[in-house]
Protein backbone atom coordinates (compact mmCIF):
# COMPACT_ATOMS: atom_id res chain seq x y z
CA MET A 1 14.34 -16.92 -3.59
CA ASN A 2 18.09 -17.02 -3.02
CA ARG A 3 18.48 -13.47 -4.34
CA PHE A 4 15.59 -12.31 -2.18
CA LEU A 5 17.21 -13.85 0.91
CA PHE A 6 20.54 -12.27 -0.04
CA ASP A 7 18.88 -8.84 -0.31
CA HIS A 8 17.20 -9.44 3.05
CA GLN A 9 20.56 -10.14 4.68
CA LEU A 10 22.04 -6.96 3.18
CA ALA A 11 19.13 -4.96 4.58
CA ALA A 12 19.75 -6.53 8.01
CA MET A 13 23.37 -5.36 7.92
CA LYS A 14 22.28 -1.84 6.93
CA VAL A 15 20.17 -1.49 10.08
CA ASP A 16 23.33 -1.41 12.20
CA ARG A 17 25.13 0.94 9.81
CA SER A 18 22.34 3.41 9.10
CA GLY A 19 23.19 6.94 10.14
CA THR A 20 19.90 8.47 11.20
CA ALA A 21 16.97 7.16 13.18
CA GLU A 22 14.78 7.47 10.07
CA GLU A 23 17.25 5.38 8.00
CA ARG A 24 17.30 2.70 10.72
CA LYS A 25 13.49 2.64 10.82
CA GLU A 26 13.29 2.32 7.02
CA ALA A 27 15.84 -0.51 7.03
CA ALA A 28 13.99 -2.33 9.83
CA ASP A 29 10.67 -1.97 7.98
CA LEU A 30 12.28 -3.36 4.83
CA ILE A 31 13.58 -6.35 6.76
CA GLY A 32 10.16 -6.99 8.28
CA ARG A 33 8.34 -6.75 4.95
CA ARG A 34 10.82 -9.12 3.28
CA ALA A 35 10.60 -11.62 6.13
CA GLU A 36 6.81 -11.49 5.93
CA ARG A 37 6.90 -12.09 2.15
CA MET A 38 9.30 -15.03 2.57
CA ALA A 39 7.09 -16.59 5.22
CA THR A 40 3.99 -16.17 3.05
CA TRP A 41 5.74 -17.71 0.03
CA ARG A 42 7.10 -20.65 2.04
CA THR A 43 3.68 -21.33 3.61
CA ALA A 44 1.95 -21.15 0.22
CA ASN A 45 4.43 -23.69 -1.12
CA GLY A 46 4.08 -26.07 1.83
CA LEU A 47 7.56 -25.33 3.19
CA SER A 48 8.64 -24.95 6.79
CA GLY A 49 9.54 -21.54 8.16
CA LEU A 50 11.98 -23.08 10.65
CA GLY A 51 15.33 -21.31 10.47
CA TRP A 52 14.09 -18.61 8.09
CA PRO A 53 13.87 -14.89 8.88
CA GLN A 54 10.83 -13.83 10.86
CA ASP A 55 9.08 -10.46 10.86
CA GLU A 56 10.22 -9.01 14.17
CA ARG A 57 8.53 -5.63 13.84
CA ASN A 58 6.23 -4.51 16.63
CA SER A 59 2.90 -6.20 15.93
CA ASP A 60 0.75 -3.34 17.28
CA LYS A 61 2.16 -0.97 14.60
CA GLU A 62 2.04 2.15 16.75
CA ASP A 63 3.46 4.36 13.98
CA ASP A 64 0.74 3.56 11.41
């Protein structure tokens, strides 16, 4: 889980440094998917999500 969180933080930094709009969208999607997976894992293991990354992607998923 520590490695997964580390990778999540790296992806978060890449959002600000991505060159194109498509790269920024891909980085943001990666962050959202990782946050969602962390939340699911923590819930399944009876752990609190307080202070952990949250999936902040638009919930209506207009691009899908």
